């Protein structure tokens, strides 16, 4: 984007080179730090690039977006985002015409970043939807330009008495603060309520004084509410270590005595000993605890390419 702005002579090539050097230096330091801390990072670089499945991702993402648009809320949000992307493109063109470098950079990223990110995840063969986040927040950044664009582009605003304009601004601020306060109260109340299924799991695990294992999505909530979070160890689909967003000290125990699963349909491969060992089942709503009574289930080594 900086190169395009420089090519259109909105900024000088000298400034472009200066900023480019800073960006390159920052990126280089980041990559160097990743190399130095590679032993603490579960996945390596090549694990994120799978161009061989780009054809599948090219089908997956349009289908995913169509599913989002099939609901009223999804359709509204996608319409809003697409509208903001189009507005960003219009503001970008106008900013180039008036040689406003700051506005051009912000609005340019508002429409280029979504296209680049969507194209990038397809080419890299990635199915992780969370990497699409710039599609949503990059166009929203264009809204920071709204006051200036609105003030310069609306004759109606200029004709209003100064007191009226101030009153409108105060009203908007009060409305935003009121909405924020209401949202804060609602969120604080919701955080005080623990899901009964999670509470059930936490009560059983705490009383058992045993150590168990489960996949990321199954153990995430119960682990967060446990007095001793180390009682739930995160493993992958093949019952190997999965030290992602969790304390590596959890893996000091090489064997566990129970397994926690949820309603997810993805197959979970247990160690062979689980096929013949006696066990009991405890139901906690959408959670299922399979207790083997003693630590007989070995946790395997980390496998970076395994599904979490």
C-alpha atoms as a PDB file:
ATOM      1  CA  UNK A   1       0.000   0.000   0.000  1.00  0.00           C
ATOM      2  CA  UNK A   2       2.857   2.382   0.792  1.00  0.00           C
ATOM      3  CA  UNK A   3       4.388   1.530  -2.572  1.00  0.00           C
ATOM      4  CA  UNK A   4       1.151   2.332  -4.376  1.00  0.00           C
ATOM      5  CA  UNK A   5       0.812   5.638  -2.531  1.00  0.00           C
ATOM      6  CA  UNK A   6       4.411   6.516  -3.437  1.00  0.00           C
ATOM      7  CA  UNK A   7       3.835   5.528  -7.066  1.00  0.00           C
ATOM      8  CA  UNK A   8       0.885   7.931  -7.174  1.00  0.00           C
ATOM      9  CA  UNK A   9       3.243  10.620  -5.750  1.00  0.00           C
ATOM     10  CA  UNK A  10       1.190  11.116  -2.594  1.00  0.00           C
ATOM     11  CA  UNK A  11       4.337  10.481  -0.555  1.00  0.00           C
ATOM     12  CA  UNK A  12       7.950  10.727  -1.659  1.00  0.00           C
ATOM     13  CA  UNK A  13      10.008   7.666  -2.513  1.00  0.00           C
ATOM     14  CA  UNK A  14      12.427   8.758   0.193  1.00  0.00           C
ATOM     15  CA  UNK A  15       9.708   8.513   2.842  1.00  0.00           C
ATOM     16  CA  UNK A  16       8.580   5.208   1.377  1.00  0.00           C
ATOM     17  CA  UNK A  17      12.125   3.866   1.665  1.00  0.00           C
ATOM     18  CA  UNK A  18      12.444   5.092   5.267  1.00  0.00           C
ATOM     19  CA  UNK A  19       9.179   3.465   6.382  1.00  0.00           C
ATOM     20  CA  UNK A  20       9.993   0.352   4.349  1.00  0.00           C
ATOM     21  CA  UNK A  21      13.303  -0.057   6.148  1.00  0.00           C
ATOM     22  CA  UNK A  22      11.553   0.257   9.530  1.00  0.00           C
ATOM     23  CA  UNK A  23       8.956  -2.355   8.559  1.00  0.00           C
ATOM     24  CA  UNK A  24      11.620  -4.717   7.203  1.00  0.00           C
ATOM     25  CA  UNK A  25      13.718  -4.313  10.349  1.00  0.00           C
ATOM     26  CA  UNK A  26      10.726  -4.998  12.586  1.00  0.00           C
ATOM     27  CA  UNK A  27       9.762  -8.066  10.570  1.00  0.00           C
ATOM     28  CA  UNK A  28      13.353  -9.300  10.634  1.00  0.00           C
ATOM     29  CA  UNK A  29      13.558  -8.941  14.408  1.00  0.00           C
ATOM     30  CA  UNK A  30      10.282 -10.818  14.761  1.00  0.00           C
ATOM     31  CA  UNK A  31      11.490 -13.693  12.591  1.00  0.00           C
ATOM     32  CA  UNK A  32      14.796 -13.787  14.475  1.00  0.00           C
ATOM     33  CA  UNK A  33      12.944 -13.994  17.794  1.00  0.00           C
ATOM     34  CA  UNK A  34      10.816 -16.824  16.424  1.00  0.00           C
ATOM     35  CA  UNK A  35      13.958 -18.740  15.497  1.00  0.00           C
ATOM     36  CA  UNK A  36      15.439 -18.191  18.953  1.00  0.00           C
ATOM     37  CA  UNK A  37      12.236 -19.387  20.637  1.00  0.00           C
ATOM     38  CA  UNK A  38      11.461 -22.140  18.117  1.00  0.00           C
ATOM     39  CA  UNK A  39      11.685 -24.828  20.810  1.00  0.00           C
ATOM     40  CA  UNK A  40       8.765 -23.215  22.649  1.00  0.00           C
ATOM     41  CA  UNK A  41       6.540 -22.950  19.571  1.00  0.00           C
ATOM     42  CA  UNK A  42       4.430 -25.988  18.749  1.00  0.00           C
ATOM     43  CA  UNK A  43       4.133 -25.506  14.994  1.00  0.00           C
ATOM     44  CA  UNK A  44       6.936 -24.636  12.596  1.00  0.00           C
ATOM     45  CA  UNK A  45       6.650 -22.383   9.576  1.00  0.00           C
ATOM     46  CA  UNK A  46       5.991 -25.078   6.925  1.00  0.00           C
ATOM     47  CA  UNK A  47       3.041 -26.336   8.987  1.00  0.00           C
ATOM     48  CA  UNK A  48       1.150 -23.184   8.006  1.00  0.00           C
ATOM     49  CA  UNK A  49       1.692 -23.577   4.250  1.00  0.00           C
ATOM     50  CA  UNK A  50      -0.198 -26.388   2.491  1.00  0.00           C
ATOM     51  CA  UNK A  51      -0.694 -25.174  -1.088  1.00  0.00           C
ATOM     52  CA  UNK A  52      -1.597 -28.690  -2.171  1.00  0.00           C
ATOM     53  CA  UNK A  53      -5.091 -28.261  -0.721  1.00  0.00           C
ATOM     54  CA  UNK A  54      -5.668 -24.769  -2.130  1.00  0.00           C
ATOM     55  CA  UNK A  55      -8.431 -26.175  -4.339  1.00  0.00           C
ATOM     56  CA  UNK A  56     -10.340 -27.360  -1.282  1.00  0.00           C
ATOM     57  CA  UNK A  57      -9.955 -24.045   0.546  1.00  0.00           C
ATOM     58  CA  UNK A  58     -11.139 -22.222  -2.578  1.00  0.00           C
ATOM     59  CA  UNK A  59     -14.413 -24.120  -2.148  1.00  0.00           C
ATOM     60  CA  UNK A  60     -14.499 -24.069   1.652  1.00  0.00           C
ATOM     61  CA  UNK A  61     -14.456 -20.303   2.220  1.00  0.00           C
ATOM     62  CA  UNK A  62     -17.242 -19.351  -0.229  1.00  0.00           C
ATOM     63  CA  UNK A  63     -19.392 -22.104   1.281  1.00  0.00           C
ATOM     64  CA  UNK A  64     -18.573 -20.870   4.787  1.00  0.00           C
ATOM     65  CA  UNK A  65     -19.473 -17.280   3.907  1.00  0.00           C
ATOM     66  CA  UNK A  66     -22.703 -18.485   2.259  1.00  0.00           C
ATOM     67  CA  UNK A  67     -23.606 -20.322   5.471  1.00  0.00           C
ATOM     68  CA  UNK A  68     -22.950 -17.142   7.453  1.00  0.00           C
ATOM     69  CA  UNK A  69     -25.195 -15.208   5.101  1.00  0.00           C
ATOM     70  CA  UNK A  70     -28.006 -17.752   5.517  1.00  0.00           C
ATOM     71  CA  UNK A  71     -28.900 -16.302   8.927  1.00  0.00           C
ATOM     72  CA  UNK A  72     -30.319 -12.827   9.517  1.00  0.00           C
ATOM     73  CA  UNK A  73     -27.483 -11.786  11.826  1.00  0.00           C
ATOM     74  CA  UNK A  74     -24.847 -13.187   9.464  1.00  0.00           C
ATOM     75  CA  UNK A  75     -26.410 -11.495   6.441  1.00  0.00           C
ATOM     76  CA  UNK A  76     -26.526  -8.154   8.256  1.00  0.00           C
ATOM     77  CA  UNK A  77     -22.884  -8.343   9.349  1.00  0.00           C
ATOM     78  CA  UNK A  78     -21.612  -9.480   5.950  1.00  0.00           C
ATOM     79  CA  UNK A  79     -23.596  -6.722   4.240  1.00  0.00           C
ATOM     80  CA  UNK A  80     -22.102  -4.211   6.656  1.00  0.00           C
ATOM     81  CA  UNK A  81     -18.549  -5.456   6.056  1.00  0.00           C
ATOM     82  CA  UNK A  82     -18.927  -5.516   2.261  1.00  0.00           C
ATOM     83  CA  UNK A  83     -20.360  -1.991   2.414  1.00  0.00           C
ATOM     84  CA  UNK A  84     -17.401  -0.803   4.479  1.00  0.00           C
ATOM     85  CA  UNK A  85     -14.984  -2.409   2.006  1.00  0.00           C
ATOM     86  CA  UNK A  86     -16.650  -0.536  -0.862  1.00  0.00           C
ATOM     87  CA  UNK A  87     -16.641   2.700   1.145  1.00  0.00           C
ATOM     88  CA  UNK A  88     -12.932   2.154   1.884  1.00  0.00           C
ATOM     89  CA  UNK A  89     -12.223   1.853  -1.837  1.00  0.00           C
ATOM     90  CA  UNK A  90     -14.151   5.071  -2.555  1.00  0.00           C
ATOM     91  CA  UNK A  91     -12.397   6.967   0.260  1.00  0.00           C
ATOM     92  CA  UNK A  92      -9.044   5.615  -0.934  1.00  0.00           C
ATOM     93  CA  UNK A  93      -9.610   6.965  -4.446  1.00  0.00           C
ATOM     94  CA  UNK A  94     -10.682  10.348  -3.069  1.00  0.00           C
ATOM     95  CA  UNK A  95      -7.690  10.466  -0.707  1.00  0.00           C
ATOM     96  CA  UNK A  96      -5.298   9.862  -3.596  1.00  0.00           C
ATOM     97  CA  UNK A  97      -6.939  12.683  -5.541  1.00  0.00           C
ATOM     98  CA  UNK A  98      -6.454  15.179  -2.685  1.00  0.00           C
ATOM     99  CA  UNK A  99      -3.013  13.741  -1.784  1.00  0.00           C
ATOM    100  CA  UNK A 100      -3.986  12.799   1.774  1.00  0.00           C
ATOM    101  CA  UNK A 101      -1.413  10.128   2.614  1.00  0.00           C
ATOM    102  CA  UNK A 102      -2.798   9.168   6.029  1.00  0.00           C
ATOM    103  CA  UNK A 103      -6.352   8.711   4.816  1.00  0.00           C
ATOM    104  CA  UNK A 104      -5.126   6.847   1.733  1.00  0.00           C
ATOM    105  CA  UNK A 105      -3.130   4.407   3.837  1.00  0.00           C
ATOM    106  CA  UNK A 106      -5.979   3.654   6.258  1.00  0.00           C
ATOM    107  CA  UNK A 107      -8.715   3.394   3.641  1.00  0.00           C
ATOM    108  CA  UNK A 108      -6.422   1.491   1.274  1.00  0.00           C
ATOM    109  CA  UNK A 109      -5.787  -1.177   3.877  1.00  0.00           C
ATOM    110  CA  UNK A 110      -9.555  -1.240   4.445  1.00  0.00           C
ATOM    111  CA  UNK A 111     -10.151  -2.795   1.029  1.00  0.00           C
ATOM    112  CA  UNK A 112      -6.786  -4.389   0.205  1.00  0.00           C
ATOM    113  CA  UNK A 113      -6.313  -6.299   3.481  1.00  0.00           C
ATOM    114  CA  UNK A 114      -9.574  -8.317   3.180  1.00  0.00           C
ATOM    115  CA  UNK A 115      -8.732  -9.347  -0.384  1.00  0.00           C
ATOM    116  CA  UNK A 116      -5.131 -10.174   0.487  1.00  0.00           C
ATOM    117  CA  UNK A 117      -6.081 -12.198   3.564  1.00  0.00           C
ATOM    118  CA  UNK A 118      -8.800 -14.182   1.807  1.00  0.00           C
ATOM    119  CA  UNK A 119      -6.508 -14.890  -1.125  1.00  0.00           C
ATOM    120  CA  UNK A 120      -3.646 -15.751   1.220  1.00  0.00           C
ATOM    121  CA  UNK A 121      -5.499 -18.368   3.265  1.00  0.00           C
ATOM    122  CA  UNK A 122      -6.725 -19.984   0.043  1.00  0.00           C
ATOM    123  CA  UNK A 123      -3.240 -20.141  -1.500  1.00  0.00           C
ATOM    124  CA  UNK A 124      -1.702 -21.417   1.760  1.00  0.00           C
ATOM    125  CA  UNK A 125      -4.399 -24.072   2.097  1.00  0.00           C
ATOM    126  CA  UNK A 126      -5.493 -22.997   5.575  1.00  0.00           C
ATOM    127  CA  UNK A 127      -8.925 -23.865   6.984  1.00  0.00           C
ATOM    128  CA  UNK A 128      -8.555 -21.769  10.163  1.00  0.00           C
ATOM    129  CA  UNK A 129     -11.287 -19.158   9.996  1.00  0.00           C
ATOM    130  CA  UNK A 130      -9.705 -17.009  12.708  1.00  0.00           C
ATOM    131  CA  UNK A 131      -7.118 -15.821  10.174  1.00  0.00           C
ATOM    132  CA  UNK A 132      -9.931 -13.999   8.353  1.00  0.00           C
ATOM    133  CA  UNK A 133     -10.170 -11.439  11.170  1.00  0.00           C
ATOM    134  CA  UNK A 134      -8.542  -8.640   9.086  1.00  0.00           C
ATOM    135  CA  UNK A 135     -11.502  -8.968   6.700  1.00  0.00           C
ATOM    136  CA  UNK A 136     -13.641  -7.591   9.496  1.00  0.00           C
ATOM    137  CA  UNK A 137     -11.506  -5.116  11.406  1.00  0.00           C
ATOM    138  CA  UNK A 138      -9.533  -3.565   8.505  1.00  0.00           C
ATOM    139  CA  UNK A 139     -12.620  -2.001   6.836  1.00  0.00           C
ATOM    140  CA  UNK A 140     -13.868  -0.823  10.233  1.00  0.00           C
ATOM    141  CA  UNK A 141     -10.650   1.199  10.644  1.00  0.00           C
ATOM    142  CA  UNK A 142     -11.860   3.451   7.822  1.00  0.00           C
ATOM    143  CA  UNK A 143     -14.510   4.751  10.228  1.00  0.00           C
ATOM    144  CA  UNK A 144     -11.843   6.757  12.066  1.00  0.00           C
ATOM    145  CA  UNK A 145     -11.854   9.037   9.024  1.00  0.00           C
ATOM    146  CA  UNK A 146     -15.617   9.642   9.247  1.00  0.00           C
ATOM    147  CA  UNK A 147     -15.577  12.859  11.340  1.00  0.00           C
ATOM    148  CA  UNK A 148     -13.134  14.588   9.006  1.00  0.00           C
ATOM    149  CA  UNK A 149     -14.797  13.367   5.818  1.00  0.00           C
ATOM    150  CA  UNK A 150     -18.252  14.202   7.123  1.00  0.00           C
ATOM    151  CA  UNK A 151     -17.235  17.638   8.305  1.00  0.00           C
ATOM    152  CA  UNK A 152     -15.619  18.531   4.971  1.00  0.00           C
ATOM    153  CA  UNK A 153     -18.224  16.898   2.794  1.00  0.00           C
ATOM    154  CA  UNK A 154     -21.545  17.965   4.317  1.00  0.00           C
ATOM    155  CA  UNK A 155     -22.903  21.461   3.705  1.00  0.00           C
ATOM    156  CA  UNK A 156     -25.749  20.719   6.099  1.00  0.00           C
ATOM    157  CA  UNK A 157     -23.380  20.360   9.038  1.00  0.00           C
ATOM    158  CA  UNK A 158     -21.654  23.628   8.190  1.00  0.00           C
ATOM    159  CA  UNK A 159     -25.009  25.444   8.136  1.00  0.00           C
ATOM    160  CA  UNK A 160     -26.094  24.225  11.554  1.00  0.00           C
ATOM    161  CA  UNK A 161     -25.535  26.518  14.543  1.00  0.00           C
ATOM    162  CA  UNK A 162     -22.421  25.683  16.506  1.00  0.00           C
ATOM    163  CA  UNK A 163     -24.514  24.898  19.606  1.00  0.00           C
ATOM    164  CA  UNK A 164     -26.604  22.399  17.657  1.00  0.00           C
ATOM    165  CA  UNK A 165     -23.514  20.602  16.407  1.00  0.00           C
ATOM    166  CA  UNK A 166     -22.103  20.443  19.927  1.00  0.00           C
ATOM    167  CA  UNK A 167     -25.436  19.144  21.212  1.00  0.00           C
ATOM    168  CA  UNK A 168     -25.457  16.393  18.585  1.00  0.00           C
ATOM    169  CA  UNK A 169     -21.900  15.402  19.478  1.00  0.00           C
ATOM    170  CA  UNK A 170     -22.720  15.330  23.191  1.00  0.00           C
ATOM    171  CA  UNK A 171     -25.809  13.233  22.465  1.00  0.00           C
ATOM    172  CA  UNK A 172     -23.782  10.734  20.475  1.00  0.00           C
ATOM    173  CA  UNK A 173     -21.155  10.514  23.232  1.00  0.00           C
ATOM    174  CA  UNK A 174     -23.821  10.011  25.920  1.00  0.00           C
ATOM    175  CA  UNK A 175     -25.554   7.345  23.838  1.00  0.00           C
ATOM    176  CA  UNK A 176     -22.270   5.486  23.285  1.00  0.00           C
ATOM    177  CA  UNK A 177     -21.379   5.683  26.983  1.00  0.00           C
ATOM    178  CA  UNK A 178     -24.865   4.457  27.929  1.00  0.00           C
ATOM    179  CA  UNK A 179     -24.634   1.514  25.540  1.00  0.00           C
ATOM    180  CA  UNK A 180     -21.159   0.669  26.878  1.00  0.00           C
ATOM    181  CA  UNK A 181     -22.380   0.809  30.464  1.00  0.00           C
ATOM    182  CA  UNK A 182     -25.345  -1.454  29.686  1.00  0.00           C
ATOM    183  CA  UNK A 183     -23.077  -3.916  27.888  1.00  0.00           C
ATOM    184  CA  UNK A 184     -20.629  -3.908  30.807  1.00  0.00           C
ATOM    185  CA  UNK A 185     -23.397  -4.694  33.291  1.00  0.00           C
ATOM    186  CA  UNK A 186     -24.713  -7.512  31.092  1.00  0.00           C
ATOM    187  CA  UNK A 187     -21.233  -8.999  30.662  1.00  0.00           C
ATOM    188  CA  UNK A 188     -20.432  -8.790  34.377  1.00  0.00           C
ATOM    189  CA  UNK A 189     -23.662 -10.620  35.198  1.00  0.00           C
ATOM    190  CA  UNK A 190     -23.005 -13.318  32.629  1.00  0.00           C
ATOM    191  CA  UNK A 191     -19.477 -13.932  33.937  1.00  0.00           C
ATOM    192  CA  UNK A 192     -20.894 -14.579  37.409  1.00  0.00           C
ATOM    193  CA  UNK A 193     -22.964 -17.503  36.090  1.00  0.00           C
ATOM    194  CA  UNK A 194     -21.091 -20.771  35.550  1.00  0.00           C
ATOM    195  CA  UNK A 195     -22.527 -23.198  33.014  1.00  0.00           C
ATOM    196  CA  UNK A 196     -24.060 -26.155  34.950  1.00  0.00           C
ATOM    197  CA  UNK A 197     -22.256 -28.698  32.743  1.00  0.00           C
ATOM    198  CA  UNK A 198     -18.920 -27.012  33.415  1.00  0.00           C
ATOM    199  CA  UNK A 199     -19.713 -26.859  37.135  1.00  0.00           C
ATOM    200  CA  UNK A 200     -20.537 -30.566  37.121  1.00  0.00           C
ATOM    201  CA  UNK A 201     -17.201 -31.442  35.504  1.00  0.00           C
ATOM    202  CA  UNK A 202     -15.291 -29.176  37.869  1.00  0.00           C
ATOM    203  CA  UNK A 203     -16.952 -30.681  40.950  1.00  0.00           C
ATOM    204  CA  UNK A 204     -16.153 -34.239  39.887  1.00  0.00           C
ATOM    205  CA  UNK A 205     -12.561 -33.526  38.830  1.00  0.00           C
ATOM    206  CA  UNK A 206     -11.770 -31.614  42.015  1.00  0.00           C
ATOM    207  CA  UNK A 207     -13.247 -34.373  44.197  1.00  0.00           C
ATOM    208  CA  UNK A 208     -11.410 -37.123  42.311  1.00  0.00           C
ATOM    209  CA  UNK A 209      -7.919 -35.688  42.911  1.00  0.00           C
ATOM    210  CA  UNK A 210      -6.979 -37.394  39.640  1.00  0.00           C
ATOM    211  CA  UNK A 211      -5.396 -36.053  36.475  1.00  0.00           C
ATOM    212  CA  UNK A 212      -7.200 -36.418  33.175  1.00  0.00           C
ATOM    213  CA  UNK A 213      -6.868 -35.354  29.559  1.00  0.00           C
ATOM    214  CA  UNK A 214      -9.012 -33.987  26.783  1.00  0.00           C
ATOM    215  CA  UNK A 215      -8.905 -32.087  23.532  1.00  0.00           C
ATOM    216  CA  UNK A 216      -8.691 -28.283  23.380  1.00  0.00           C
ATOM    217  CA  UNK A 217     -12.375 -27.459  22.986  1.00  0.00           C
ATOM    218  CA  UNK A 218     -13.511 -30.091  25.488  1.00  0.00           C
ATOM    219  CA  UNK A 219     -11.313 -29.056  28.418  1.00  0.00           C
ATOM    220  CA  UNK A 220     -11.035 -25.305  27.794  1.00  0.00           C
ATOM    221  CA  UNK A 221     -13.989 -24.148  29.897  1.00  0.00           C
ATOM    222  CA  UNK A 222     -13.730 -26.705  32.756  1.00  0.00           C
ATOM    223  CA  UNK A 223      -9.977 -26.111  33.031  1.00  0.00           C
ATOM    224  CA  UNK A 224     -10.530 -22.371  33.415  1.00  0.00           C
ATOM    225  CA  UNK A 225     -12.756 -22.868  36.476  1.00  0.00           C
ATOM    226  CA  UNK A 226     -10.750 -25.608  38.216  1.00  0.00           C
ATOM    227  CA  UNK A 227      -8.954 -24.628  41.445  1.00  0.00           C
ATOM    228  CA  UNK A 228      -6.093 -26.831  40.160  1.00  0.00           C
ATOM    229  CA  UNK A 229      -6.061 -26.363  36.357  1.00  0.00           C
ATOM    230  CA  UNK A 230      -3.246 -28.914  36.032  1.00  0.00           C
ATOM    231  CA  UNK A 231      -5.800 -31.678  36.659  1.00  0.00           C
ATOM    232  CA  UNK A 232      -6.856 -31.372  33.012  1.00  0.00           C
ATOM    233  CA  UNK A 233      -4.115 -31.933  30.441  1.00  0.00           C
ATOM    234  CA  UNK A 234      -4.593 -30.805  26.851  1.00  0.00           C
ATOM    235  CA  UNK A 235      -3.936 -33.463  24.191  1.00  0.00           C
ATOM    236  CA  UNK A 236      -4.473 -33.747  20.441  1.00  0.00           C
ATOM    237  CA  UNK A 237      -6.634 -36.175  18.469  1.00  0.00           C
ATOM    238  CA  UNK A 238      -4.024 -38.934  18.852  1.00  0.00           C
ATOM    239  CA  UNK A 239      -3.581 -38.443  22.603  1.00  0.00           C
ATOM    240  CA  UNK A 240      -0.262 -36.657  22.205  1.00  0.00           C
ATOM    241  CA  UNK A 241       0.842 -33.478  23.975  1.00  0.00           C
ATOM    242  CA  UNK A 242      -0.727 -30.302  22.619  1.00  0.00           C
ATOM    243  CA  UNK A 243       0.950 -27.395  24.463  1.00  0.00           C
ATOM    244  CA  UNK A 244      -1.004 -24.629  22.777  1.00  0.00           C
ATOM    245  CA  UNK A 245      -2.333 -21.802  25.016  1.00  0.00           C
ATOM    246  CA  UNK A 246      -1.698 -23.921  28.075  1.00  0.00           C
ATOM    247  CA  UNK A 247       0.913 -24.335  30.818  1.00  0.00           C
ATOM    248  CA  UNK A 248       3.734 -26.694  29.786  1.00  0.00           C
ATOM    249  CA  UNK A 249       4.070 -27.751  33.412  1.00  0.00           C
ATOM    250  CA  UNK A 250       0.840 -29.728  32.862  1.00  0.00           C
ATOM    251  CA  UNK A 251       2.868 -32.347  31.003  1.00  0.00           C
ATOM    252  CA  UNK A 252       4.930 -33.323  34.022  1.00  0.00           C
ATOM    253  CA  UNK A 253       2.442 -36.200  34.383  1.00  0.00           C
ATOM    254  CA  UNK A 254       3.047 -38.714  31.606  1.00  0.00           C
ATOM    255  CA  UNK A 255      -0.065 -40.787  32.399  1.00  0.00           C
ATOM    256  CA  UNK A 256      -3.651 -39.853  33.196  1.00  0.00           C
ATOM    257  CA  UNK A 257      -6.576 -41.762  34.673  1.00  0.00           C
ATOM    258  CA  UNK A 258      -9.614 -40.265  32.937  1.00  0.00           C
ATOM    259  CA  UNK A 259     -10.635 -38.696  29.644  1.00  0.00           C
ATOM    260  CA  UNK A 260     -12.958 -35.722  29.192  1.00  0.00           C
ATOM    261  CA  UNK A 261     -14.899 -35.430  25.934  1.00  0.00           C
ATOM    262  CA  UNK A 262     -17.737 -33.217  24.758  1.00  0.00           C
ATOM    263  CA  UNK A 263     -20.415 -33.477  22.096  1.00  0.00           C
ATOM    264  CA  UNK A 264     -17.974 -32.869  19.227  1.00  0.00           C
ATOM    265  CA  UNK A 265     -18.255 -35.604  16.610  1.00  0.00           C
ATOM    266  CA  UNK A 266     -14.562 -35.682  15.599  1.00  0.00           C
ATOM    267  CA  UNK A 267     -13.005 -39.059  16.375  1.00  0.00           C
ATOM    268  CA  UNK A 268     -10.707 -39.174  19.401  1.00  0.00           C
ATOM    269  CA  UNK A 269      -8.028 -41.912  19.342  1.00  0.00           C
ATOM    270  CA  UNK A 270      -7.269 -43.278  22.824  1.00  0.00           C
ATOM    271  CA  UNK A 271      -4.176 -45.356  23.715  1.00  0.00           C
ATOM    272  CA  UNK A 272      -4.581 -49.129  23.065  1.00  0.00           C
ATOM    273  CA  UNK A 273      -4.748 -49.881  26.794  1.00  0.00           C
ATOM    274  CA  UNK A 274      -8.095 -48.080  26.943  1.00  0.00           C
ATOM    275  CA  UNK A 275      -9.674 -50.796  24.777  1.00  0.00           C
ATOM    276  CA  UNK A 276      -9.388 -53.494  27.449  1.00  0.00           C
ATOM    277  CA  UNK A 277      -9.128 -51.610  30.758  1.00  0.00           C
ATOM    278  CA  UNK A 278     -12.297 -51.386  32.894  1.00  0.00           C
ATOM    279  CA  UNK A 279     -13.838 -47.940  33.132  1.00  0.00           C
ATOM    280  CA  UNK A 280     -16.849 -46.044  34.390  1.00  0.00           C
ATOM    281  CA  UNK A 281     -18.744 -43.220  32.704  1.00  0.00           C
ATOM    282  CA  UNK A 282     -19.890 -39.976  34.306  1.00  0.00           C
ATOM    283  CA  UNK A 283     -22.313 -37.740  32.410  1.00  0.00           C
ATOM    284  CA  UNK A 284     -22.262 -33.965  32.847  1.00  0.00           C
ATOM    285  CA  UNK A 285     -24.642 -32.674  30.227  1.00  0.00           C
ATOM    286  CA  UNK A 286     -22.685 -32.240  27.003  1.00  0.00           C
ATOM    287  CA  UNK A 287     -19.538 -33.566  28.709  1.00  0.00           C
ATOM    288  CA  UNK A 288     -18.611 -37.196  29.267  1.00  0.00           C
ATOM    289  CA  UNK A 289     -15.957 -38.343  31.740  1.00  0.00           C
ATOM    290  CA  UNK A 290     -14.507 -41.813  31.119  1.00  0.00           C
ATOM    291  CA  UNK A 291     -12.738 -42.807  34.331  1.00  0.00           C
ATOM    292  CA  UNK A 292     -10.237 -45.688  34.360  1.00  0.00           C
ATOM    293  CA  UNK A 293      -9.598 -45.443  38.095  1.00  0.00           C
ATOM    294  CA  UNK A 294      -5.811 -45.219  37.898  1.00  0.00           C
ATOM    295  CA  UNK A 295      -3.245 -43.443  35.695  1.00  0.00           C
ATOM    296  CA  UNK A 296      -2.908 -46.024  32.916  1.00  0.00           C
ATOM    297  CA  UNK A 297      -3.298 -43.841  29.813  1.00  0.00           C
ATOM    298  CA  UNK A 298       0.095 -42.648  28.487  1.00  0.00           C
ATOM    299  CA  UNK A 299       0.328 -39.233  26.823  1.00  0.00           C
ATOM    300  CA  UNK A 300       2.379 -39.359  23.643  1.00  0.00           C
ATOM    301  CA  UNK A 301       4.834 -36.775  22.302  1.00  0.00           C
ATOM    302  CA  UNK A 302       3.685 -33.588  20.610  1.00  0.00           C
ATOM    303  CA  UNK A 303       2.763 -33.911  16.941  1.00  0.00           C
ATOM    304  CA  UNK A 304       2.676 -30.424  15.360  1.00  0.00           C
ATOM    305  CA  UNK A 305       0.467 -31.453  12.439  1.00  0.00           C
ATOM    306  CA  UNK A 306      -2.166 -33.169  14.608  1.00  0.00           C
ATOM    307  CA  UNK A 307      -5.641 -31.698  14.884  1.00  0.00           C
ATOM    308  CA  UNK A 308      -6.049 -30.012  18.312  1.00  0.00           C
END
